[in-house]
Amino acid sequence: MEPAIIPLSAVHPYSSNWTVALQVIEVACIKNNLHLQQNFQTFLLADSQGVTVNMHVIGNMIHRLAGLLLPFKKYYISRAIVHHLHDGSAPTEYPFYWIATEATSIREIDQLDYPSLPSHFQLYPFTLLDAIADTEQLITVMAGVLHALPNKIIPIEGAPCVVRDYVIANEDMKPLILTLRGELEENYGPTIAAAEDPFPVIIAIRVKATTNHYLSLSTKSSSLILISPIAQQTMHLKTWHHAHAHALRRMIDESSYTNPRILLPPVNDNRITHIATLLQQKPKTAWIQGIVELDYIPQKLAYIACPLCYFPSKLASNLPVTCQHCHSNMDLVPRALIAISLIDATGSICATAIDIEAERLIQYSTAELYYLQQENVDLTQYLAHTLQGKLLMCYIMPSPSKFRLIRRAAYEIITSYSAHEVFNAENININNLNINA
């Protein structure tokens, strides 16, 4: 017989004989509370109305409840201790938190099918990540892990930190790097590696999109990773992977997760930002289109930089040099560089293309450009013939001031497409580029 159920919002510290039907939304890692000198684990639970509560499990209760409270399953819960949220806590619809004790009753609700993701659980599509890259917006994504790259140890705030990149993919067929750092890699990395499924599905909660590797995902201290959760949507993703396993393996072999043609294809006209709007609103990233204009002044087309953080160096040495930015002691490497002006009907900007993107525009390799620069070969006329008046669609971001080699170039081109590379005629609207209008 099912118990009498009351809404979560009706449960308060003075309630008695209550039972609530709740679905597990998030399962945090086990952590240590220095004040209590005990381990604790937090579960985010939600009722059918989307009202949520954090239930904390402390000490030995963690092991007693092991195997219960699995992501997205539903449970009847009663007799937890209800406390007011502490002063200074973020305001929530339900102003209490719970603590599970030996008296707490937790009973799984039988379901005929796999549980479904909660209706308010919004999964962000990979195809729109470029619109929020480098912003502070935190999102939730679902994907399968295709490959784990070797871990690295990098300095973060002066201390060594373990970092590992995982290649993930879903039905959008856009393999992305998801970066786990520090404690998150220590907590989740071994579980991902130990998964019996060759395509473990994960749900990454509170992650952000970045322009690292052209387009990727990165974790924050508040991020959570649900590994192999059982839900209708995860089962559908496994079926999809089985049907597309060969194509996904080929993408890994071809390193498609760092290929801008896969990650950042040309966009439709409604995604293009006018340059005047760009200058006024100053978004973190934007797609623009414009006609190239060059200064007929010789410019350096290569510079020497740290191979890890790409910070420019004033030294040109055959011996390892300590980077002034990341403090790594490394052999410096040349990088290609070109500054261009882009003009549309509303305004103009100066932007730099660096490394591979500069090579694509100039049509010389970095090694060739560095050699020609050392030989004092002037490529001004060649650049004018190759680029002047060319129509480009570009995905750009503000150029970090500490890395800005050309002062007037306030933007950096992440990737670009010439007119003939854009197959959909709607992507390029020539009328909008009539700079003489």
Protein backbone atom coordinates (compact mmCIF):
# COMPACT_ATOMS: atom_id res chain seq x y z
CA MET A 1 0.00 0.00 0.00
CA GLU A 2 1.37 3.39 -0.98
CA PRO A 3 1.82 5.89 1.87
CA ALA A 4 -0.07 9.17 2.04
CA ILE A 5 2.10 11.68 0.16
CA ILE A 6 2.37 15.38 0.95
CA PRO A 7 4.11 18.07 -1.15
CA LEU A 8 7.74 18.84 -0.34
CA SER A 9 6.80 22.46 0.33
CA ALA A 10 4.59 21.31 3.22
CA VAL A 11 7.47 19.69 5.14
CA HIS A 12 9.04 21.91 7.82
CA PRO A 13 11.01 21.36 11.07
CA TYR A 14 7.82 20.79 13.09
CA SER A 15 6.16 18.37 10.66
CA SER A 16 5.51 14.80 11.83
CA ASN A 17 4.45 11.57 10.15
CA TRP A 18 5.19 12.93 6.70
CA THR A 19 6.21 11.12 3.50
CA VAL A 20 7.33 12.78 0.27
CA ALA A 21 7.86 11.23 -3.18
CA LEU A 22 11.14 12.59 -4.57
CA GLN A 23 13.43 12.02 -7.53
CA VAL A 24 17.21 12.11 -7.18
CA ILE A 25 18.58 14.92 -9.36
CA GLU A 26 22.24 15.20 -8.33
CA VAL A 27 24.65 13.03 -6.35
CA ALA A 28 27.71 14.86 -5.06
CA CYS A 29 31.05 13.25 -4.27
CA ILE A 30 31.83 12.26 -0.69
CA LYS A 31 33.62 15.13 1.05
CA ASN A 32 35.15 15.76 4.44
CA ASN A 33 33.77 18.36 6.84
CA LEU A 34 36.68 19.71 8.88
CA HIS A 35 34.34 21.15 11.53
CA LEU A 36 32.47 17.86 12.07
CA GLN A 37 35.58 15.77 11.30
CA GLN A 38 33.34 13.43 9.33
CA ASN A 39 32.66 12.60 5.72
CA PHE A 40 29.39 13.71 4.20
CA GLN A 41 27.55 13.35 0.90
CA THR A 42 24.84 15.58 -0.51
CA PHE A 43 21.89 14.52 -2.66
CA LEU A 44 19.72 17.01 -4.51
CA LEU A 45 16.12 15.78 -4.57
CA ALA A 46 13.08 17.18 -6.40
CA ASP A 47 9.35 16.57 -6.24
CA SER A 48 6.98 16.46 -9.21
CA GLN A 49 6.57 20.26 -9.05
CA GLY A 50 10.30 20.86 -9.42
CA VAL A 51 10.78 22.02 -5.81
CA THR A 52 14.21 20.86 -4.60
CA VAL A 53 15.91 20.06 -1.30
CA ASN A 54 19.46 19.08 -0.37
CA MET A 55 19.66 16.01 1.85
CA HIS A 56 22.99 15.46 3.60
CA VAL A 57 24.18 11.99 4.58
CA ILE A 58 26.88 11.99 7.27
CA GLY A 59 29.47 9.50 8.53
CA ASN A 60 28.46 5.83 8.69
CA MET A 61 25.11 6.58 7.07
CA ILE A 62 26.95 7.00 3.74
CA HIS A 63 27.80 3.30 3.68
CA ARG A 64 24.37 2.27 5.00
CA LEU A 65 22.69 4.06 2.09
CA ALA A 66 25.16 2.86 -0.55
CA GLY A 67 23.20 1.59 -3.55
CA LEU A 68 20.18 3.72 -2.67
CA LEU A 69 19.45 7.21 -3.96
CA LEU A 70 20.62 6.58 -7.52
CA PRO A 71 20.35 9.41 -10.05
CA PHE A 72 16.86 9.90 -11.52
CA LYS A 73 15.24 7.10 -9.54
CA LYS A 74 12.27 7.99 -7.34
CA TYR A 75 11.88 7.26 -3.64
CA TYR A 76 9.42 7.61 -0.78
CA ILE A 77 11.33 9.45 1.95
CA SER A 78 10.22 10.19 5.50
CA ARG A 79 11.60 10.96 8.97
CA ALA A 80 14.62 12.98 7.85
CA ILE A 81 15.68 15.82 10.16
CA VAL A 82 14.60 19.18 8.71
CA HIS A 83 16.72 22.29 9.35
CA HIS A 84 16.43 25.92 8.32
CA LEU A 85 19.02 26.98 5.76
CA HIS A 86 21.91 28.89 7.30
CA ASP A 87 22.02 32.67 7.12
CA GLY A 88 23.82 33.70 3.96
CA SER A 89 22.69 30.65 1.99
CA ALA A 90 21.47 31.29 -1.54
CA PRO A 91 17.70 31.91 -1.48
CA THR A 92 15.65 28.93 -2.63
CA GLU A 93 11.97 28.14 -3.07
CA TYR A 94 12.21 25.63 -0.21
CA PRO A 95 14.05 27.24 2.76
CA PHE A 96 15.18 24.03 4.48
CA TYR A 97 17.73 21.24 4.16
CA TRP A 98 17.52 17.66 5.43
CA ILE A 99 19.84 15.30 7.26
CA ALA A 100 19.36 11.56 6.89
CA THR A 101 19.65 9.54 10.10
CA GLU A 102 19.14 5.90 11.09
CA ALA A 103 15.46 6.72 11.59
CA THR A 104 15.07 8.04 8.04
CA SER A 105 13.02 5.80 5.76
CA ILE A 106 14.01 5.61 2.09
CA ARG A 107 12.06 3.24 -0.16
CA GLU A 108 12.41 3.01 -3.93
CA ILE A 109 9.26 3.61 -5.97
CA ASP A 110 8.70 0.79 -8.44
CA GLN A 111 8.64 1.93 -12.07
CA LEU A 112 7.72 -0.14 -15.11
CA ASP A 113 10.27 1.56 -17.37
CA TYR A 114 13.61 3.32 -17.00
CA PRO A 115 13.20 6.65 -15.21
CA SER A 116 13.12 9.79 -17.32
CA LEU A 117 15.11 12.95 -16.81
CA PRO A 118 13.11 15.54 -14.84
CA SER A 119 11.16 17.97 -17.00
CA HIS A 120 13.10 20.94 -15.61
CA PHE A 121 16.43 19.21 -16.33
CA GLN A 122 17.56 21.19 -19.39
CA LEU A 123 20.27 19.62 -21.57
CA TYR A 124 22.19 22.15 -23.65
CA PRO A 125 22.79 21.23 -27.34
CA PHE A 126 26.38 21.04 -28.58
CA THR A 127 25.32 22.90 -31.75
CA LEU A 128 24.73 26.14 -29.79
CA LEU A 129 27.78 26.09 -27.52
CA ASP A 130 29.57 28.69 -29.65
CA ALA A 131 26.90 31.24 -28.64
CA ILE A 132 27.84 31.02 -24.93
CA ALA A 133 31.56 30.22 -25.13
CA ASP A 134 33.74 32.06 -22.60
CA THR A 135 30.69 33.44 -20.76
CA GLU A 136 29.88 32.59 -17.14
CA GLN A 137 26.75 30.65 -18.11
CA LEU A 138 26.80 27.17 -16.56
CA ILE A 139 25.02 24.42 -18.44
CA THR A 140 24.18 20.72 -18.29
CA VAL A 141 25.12 18.35 -21.12
CA MET A 142 24.69 14.64 -21.74
CA ALA A 143 27.19 12.68 -23.83
CA GLY A 144 29.19 9.48 -24.00
CA VAL A 145 32.91 9.31 -23.30
CA LEU A 146 34.77 8.26 -26.45
CA HIS A 147 38.37 8.66 -25.35
CA ALA A 148 40.55 9.83 -22.46
CA LEU A 149 43.69 11.79 -23.30
CA PRO A 150 46.80 11.51 -21.07
CA ASN A 151 46.58 13.53 -17.88
CA LYS A 152 48.75 16.59 -17.35
CA ILE A 153 50.04 18.46 -14.33
CA ILE A 154 49.82 22.22 -14.73
CA PRO A 155 50.32 25.06 -12.24
CA ILE A 156 47.07 26.67 -11.07
CA GLU A 157 47.40 29.55 -8.60
CA GLY A 158 50.98 28.49 -7.94
CA ALA A 159 50.18 24.86 -7.06
CA PRO A 160 50.43 21.76 -9.29
CA CYS A 161 47.04 20.52 -10.49
CA VAL A 162 46.12 17.29 -12.29
CA VAL A 163 44.15 17.97 -15.48
CA ARG A 164 42.69 15.46 -17.91
CA ASP A 165 40.80 15.94 -21.17
CA TYR A 166 38.02 13.54 -22.16
CA VAL A 167 36.54 13.41 -25.66
CA ILE A 168 32.76 13.21 -25.47
CA ALA A 169 30.03 13.10 -28.11
CA ASN A 170 26.28 12.81 -28.55
CA GLU A 171 23.74 12.85 -31.37
CA ASP A 172 25.02 16.24 -32.57
CA MET A 173 28.06 14.37 -34.00
CA LYS A 174 30.40 17.04 -32.68
CA PRO A 175 33.14 15.44 -30.53
CA LEU A 176 34.22 17.85 -27.80
CA ILE A 177 36.88 17.94 -25.13
CA LEU A 178 35.61 18.02 -21.55
CA THR A 179 38.35 19.06 -19.12
CA LEU A 180 38.33 17.78 -15.53
CA ARG A 181 40.64 19.52 -13.07
CA GLY A 182 42.03 18.73 -9.65
CA GLU A 183 39.52 17.23 -7.25
CA LEU A 184 37.00 16.58 -10.01
CA GLU A 185 39.52 14.47 -11.96
CA GLU A 186 40.54 12.66 -8.76
CA ASN A 187 36.89 11.90 -7.92
CA TYR A 188 35.45 11.08 -11.33
CA GLY A 189 38.43 10.01 -13.46
CA PRO A 190 38.91 6.54 -11.89
CA THR A 191 35.17 5.82 -12.11
CA ILE A 192 35.08 6.72 -15.80
CA ALA A 193 38.17 4.57 -16.42
CA ALA A 194 36.66 1.63 -14.50
CA ALA A 195 33.34 1.71 -16.36
CA GLU A 196 32.58 -1.64 -17.97
CA ASP A 197 30.73 0.05 -20.81
CA PRO A 198 33.14 1.14 -23.61
CA PHE A 199 30.86 4.17 -24.12
CA PRO A 200 30.00 5.33 -20.58
CA VAL A 201 27.30 7.98 -20.69
CA ILE A 202 27.83 10.98 -18.44
CA ILE A 203 25.72 13.97 -17.51
CA ALA A 204 27.95 16.94 -16.75
CA ILE A 205 26.21 19.50 -14.55
CA ARG A 206 27.27 23.14 -14.17
CA VAL A 207 30.02 23.13 -16.80
CA LYS A 208 30.94 26.01 -19.09
CA ALA A 209 31.78 26.32 -22.77
CA THR A 210 35.19 27.74 -23.66
CA THR A 211 37.17 28.58 -26.80
CA ASN A 212 40.03 26.30 -25.75
CA HIS A 213 40.72 23.80 -28.56
CA TYR A 214 38.41 26.03 -30.68
CA LEU A 215 35.37 24.88 -28.68
CA SER A 216 35.32 22.72 -25.56
CA LEU A 217 33.77 22.23 -22.14
CA SER A 218 35.41 22.83 -18.79
CA THR A 219 34.44 22.08 -15.21
CA LYS A 220 34.15 24.50 -12.31
CA SER A 221 34.47 23.81 -8.59
CA SER A 222 30.66 23.47 -8.41
CA SER A 223 30.45 21.00 -11.33
CA LEU A 224 29.09 17.48 -10.93
CA ILE A 225 29.48 14.47 -13.21
CA LEU A 226 26.87 11.70 -13.17
CA ILE A 227 28.50 8.56 -14.59
CA SER A 228 26.39 5.86 -16.28
CA PRO A 229 23.07 7.10 -14.86
CA ILE A 230 20.09 4.95 -15.77
CA ALA A 231 17.42 6.90 -17.64
CA GLN A 232 15.42 6.59 -20.83
CA GLN A 233 17.52 9.29 -22.49
CA THR A 234 20.84 7.61 -21.62
CA MET A 235 19.58 4.31 -23.02
CA HIS A 236 18.65 6.08 -26.27
CA LEU A 237 22.15 7.58 -26.43
CA LYS A 238 23.73 4.13 -26.04
CA THR A 239 21.60 2.84 -28.93
CA TRP A 240 22.71 5.80 -31.04
CA HIS A 241 26.37 5.11 -30.24
CA HIS A 242 26.04 1.48 -31.31
CA ALA A 243 24.71 2.63 -34.71
CA HIS A 244 27.45 5.26 -35.17
CA ALA A 245 30.44 3.61 -33.48
CA HIS A 246 32.49 3.36 -36.69
CA ALA A 247 32.07 7.05 -37.58
CA LEU A 248 32.89 8.09 -34.01
CA ARG A 249 36.07 5.98 -33.98
CA ARG A 250 37.13 7.67 -37.21
CA MET A 251 36.56 11.08 -35.61
CA ILE A 252 38.87 10.13 -32.75
CA ASP A 253 41.54 8.86 -35.17
CA GLU A 254 41.31 12.14 -37.10
CA SER A 255 41.36 14.31 -33.93
CA SER A 256 38.07 15.89 -34.96
CA TYR A 257 37.74 17.26 -31.42
CA THR A 258 40.31 19.94 -32.36
CA ASN A 259 39.09 20.52 -35.93
CA PRO A 260 37.32 23.88 -36.33
CA ARG A 261 35.57 22.61 -39.48
CA ILE A 262 33.77 20.07 -37.27
CA LEU A 263 33.39 22.16 -34.12
CA LEU A 264 32.63 25.57 -35.66
CA PRO A 265 31.00 25.17 -39.08
CA PRO A 266 29.64 28.26 -40.88
CA VAL A 267 26.45 29.66 -39.39
CA ASN A 268 23.26 30.98 -40.93
CA ASP A 269 22.73 34.67 -41.56
CA ASN A 270 20.61 35.10 -38.41
CA ARG A 271 23.66 34.20 -36.29
CA ILE A 272 25.83 36.98 -37.77
CA THR A 273 26.53 40.02 -35.57
CA HIS A 274 26.96 43.41 -37.23
CA ILE A 275 30.29 45.00 -36.39
CA ALA A 276 28.61 48.08 -34.89
CA THR A 277 26.63 45.80 -32.56
CA LEU A 278 29.82 43.92 -31.68
CA LEU A 279 31.59 47.14 -30.70
CA GLN A 280 28.61 48.33 -28.67
CA GLN A 281 27.65 45.13 -26.83
CA LYS A 282 31.14 43.58 -26.54
CA PRO A 283 30.12 39.89 -26.40
CA LYS A 284 32.66 37.26 -25.35
CA THR A 285 32.46 35.64 -28.80
CA ALA A 286 30.61 36.41 -32.03
CA TRP A 287 30.25 35.46 -35.66
CA ILE A 288 30.84 38.37 -38.02
CA GLN A 289 31.33 38.71 -41.75
CA GLY A 290 33.30 41.39 -43.50
CA ILE A 291 35.59 42.37 -46.33
CA VAL A 292 39.34 42.24 -45.65
CA GLU A 293 41.33 45.43 -45.82
CA LEU A 294 45.11 45.51 -45.27
CA ASP A 295 47.50 48.25 -44.30
CA TYR A 296 50.17 48.49 -46.96
CA ILE A 297 52.79 48.51 -44.24
CA PRO A 298 55.12 45.54 -43.76
CA GLN A 299 54.15 43.54 -40.66
CA LYS A 300 55.86 40.74 -38.81
CA LEU A 301 54.16 37.48 -39.70
CA ALA A 302 55.74 35.32 -36.98
CA TYR A 303 56.71 35.70 -33.34
CA ILE A 304 58.42 33.60 -30.67
CA ALA A 305 56.28 32.23 -27.84
CA CYS A 306 56.01 29.76 -24.99
CA PRO A 307 54.70 26.42 -26.38
CA LEU A 308 52.40 25.89 -23.37
CA CYS A 309 50.61 29.21 -22.82
CA TYR A 310 51.66 30.98 -26.06
CA PHE A 311 52.84 34.06 -24.16
CA PRO A 312 55.09 36.07 -26.51
CA SER A 313 58.78 36.28 -25.66
CA LYS A 314 61.21 39.04 -26.49
CA LEU A 315 64.05 36.53 -26.40
CA ALA A 316 65.10 34.37 -29.33
CA SER A 317 67.19 31.60 -27.83
CA ASN A 318 68.18 28.08 -28.81
CA LEU A 319 68.16 27.17 -25.11
CA PRO A 320 65.13 26.65 -22.82
CA VAL A 321 63.71 29.92 -21.47
CA THR A 322 61.52 30.50 -18.40
CA CYS A 323 58.15 31.86 -19.53
CA GLN A 324 57.22 35.15 -17.84
CA HIS A 325 53.56 34.12 -17.77
CA CYS A 326 53.31 30.41 -16.80
CA HIS A 327 56.92 30.09 -15.51
CA SER A 328 57.53 26.90 -17.48
CA ASN A 329 61.12 26.32 -18.60
CA MET A 330 60.68 25.37 -22.26
CA ASP A 331 62.16 25.74 -25.72
CA LEU A 332 60.42 28.66 -27.41
CA VAL A 333 58.58 28.10 -30.69
CA PRO A 334 57.58 30.40 -33.59
CA ARG A 335 53.90 31.15 -34.23
CA ALA A 336 52.34 32.67 -37.33
CA LEU A 337 50.50 35.98 -36.98
CA ILE A 338 48.66 38.43 -39.23
CA ALA A 339 46.52 41.49 -38.52
CA ILE A 340 43.64 42.38 -40.84
CA SER A 341 40.78 44.86 -40.85
CA LEU A 342 37.26 43.52 -41.41
CA ILE A 343 34.60 45.91 -42.72
CA ASP A 344 30.84 45.57 -43.09
CA ALA A 345 28.10 48.14 -43.73
CA THR A 346 28.04 49.17 -40.06
CA GLY A 347 31.70 49.53 -39.11
CA SER A 348 35.15 47.96 -38.99
CA ILE A 349 37.45 46.16 -36.57
CA CYS A 350 41.07 45.07 -36.55
CA ALA A 351 41.65 41.41 -35.70
CA THR A 352 44.58 39.03 -35.59
CA ALA A 353 44.75 35.47 -36.85
CA ILE A 354 47.31 33.32 -35.07
CA ASP A 355 48.99 29.98 -35.64
CA ILE A 356 46.98 27.60 -37.88
CA GLU A 357 44.36 30.25 -38.66
CA ALA A 358 47.09 32.64 -39.84
CA GLU A 359 48.64 29.86 -41.94
CA ARG A 360 45.28 29.24 -43.62
CA LEU A 361 44.84 32.91 -44.49
CA ILE A 362 48.42 33.57 -45.62
CA GLN A 363 48.85 30.12 -47.22
CA TYR A 364 52.35 29.70 -45.81
CA SER A 365 53.44 27.46 -42.94
CA THR A 366 54.75 28.95 -39.69
CA ALA A 367 58.23 27.58 -40.43
CA GLU A 368 58.21 29.23 -43.86
CA LEU A 369 56.99 32.55 -42.46
CA TYR A 370 59.61 32.54 -39.71
CA TYR A 371 62.36 31.78 -42.24
CA LEU A 372 61.20 34.52 -44.62
CA GLN A 373 61.04 36.97 -41.72
CA GLN A 374 64.60 36.09 -40.70
CA GLU A 375 65.65 36.68 -44.30
CA ASN A 376 63.83 40.07 -44.33
CA VAL A 377 61.56 39.05 -47.21
CA ASP A 378 58.69 41.54 -47.61
CA LEU A 379 55.35 39.79 -48.29
CA THR A 380 53.24 42.96 -48.42
CA GLN A 381 52.38 42.70 -52.11
CA TYR A 382 51.72 38.97 -51.83
CA LEU A 383 49.31 39.55 -48.92
CA ALA A 384 47.52 42.29 -50.85
CA HIS A 385 47.00 39.94 -53.77
CA THR A 386 45.91 37.04 -51.51
CA LEU A 387 43.68 38.78 -48.97
CA GLN A 388 42.74 42.35 -49.99
CA GLY A 389 38.98 42.55 -50.67
CA LYS A 390 38.37 38.94 -49.67
CA LEU A 391 35.02 38.16 -48.04
CA LEU A 392 35.34 36.29 -44.73
CA MET A 393 32.97 34.86 -42.16
CA CYS A 394 34.82 34.82 -38.82
CA TYR A 395 34.22 33.53 -35.32
CA ILE A 396 36.06 35.97 -33.07
CA MET A 397 36.77 36.82 -29.45
CA PRO A 398 38.36 39.80 -27.69
CA SER A 399 42.14 39.56 -27.78
CA PRO A 400 43.62 39.25 -24.25
CA SER A 401 45.59 42.42 -23.61
CA LYS A 402 48.59 40.59 -22.15
CA PHE A 403 48.86 38.47 -25.32
CA ARG A 404 48.08 41.30 -27.74
CA LEU A 405 51.06 41.71 -30.06
CA ILE A 406 49.44 44.35 -32.25
CA ARG A 407 47.94 47.06 -30.08
CA ARG A 408 45.17 48.11 -32.44
CA ALA A 409 43.98 44.51 -32.93
CA ALA A 410 41.31 44.24 -30.24
CA TYR A 411 39.96 40.90 -31.51
CA GLU A 412 41.34 37.48 -32.35
CA ILE A 413 39.99 35.25 -35.12
CA ILE A 414 39.24 31.79 -33.74
CA THR A 415 38.35 30.43 -37.17
CA SER A 416 37.25 31.83 -40.52
CA TYR A 417 35.66 30.84 -43.82
CA SER A 418 36.04 32.37 -47.26
CA ALA A 419 32.96 32.93 -49.41
CA HIS A 420 33.54 29.80 -51.51
CA GLU A 421 33.80 27.68 -48.34
CA VAL A 422 30.29 28.63 -47.27
CA PHE A 423 28.03 26.38 -49.28
CA ASN A 424 24.69 27.71 -48.04
CA ALA A 425 23.96 30.96 -49.88
CA GLU A 426 21.98 32.23 -46.88
CA ASN A 427 25.18 32.28 -44.81
CA ILE A 428 26.65 35.21 -46.74
CA ASN A 429 24.49 38.20 -47.53
CA ILE A 430 26.49 40.34 -49.93
CA ASN A 431 24.00 43.21 -49.66
CA ASN A 432 24.81 43.61 -45.96
CA LEU A 433 28.47 44.10 -46.87
CA ASN A 434 28.03 47.07 -49.20
CA ILE A 435 30.54 49.27 -47.43
CA ASN A 436 30.02 52.09 -49.92
CA ALA A 437 26.29 52.32 -49.17
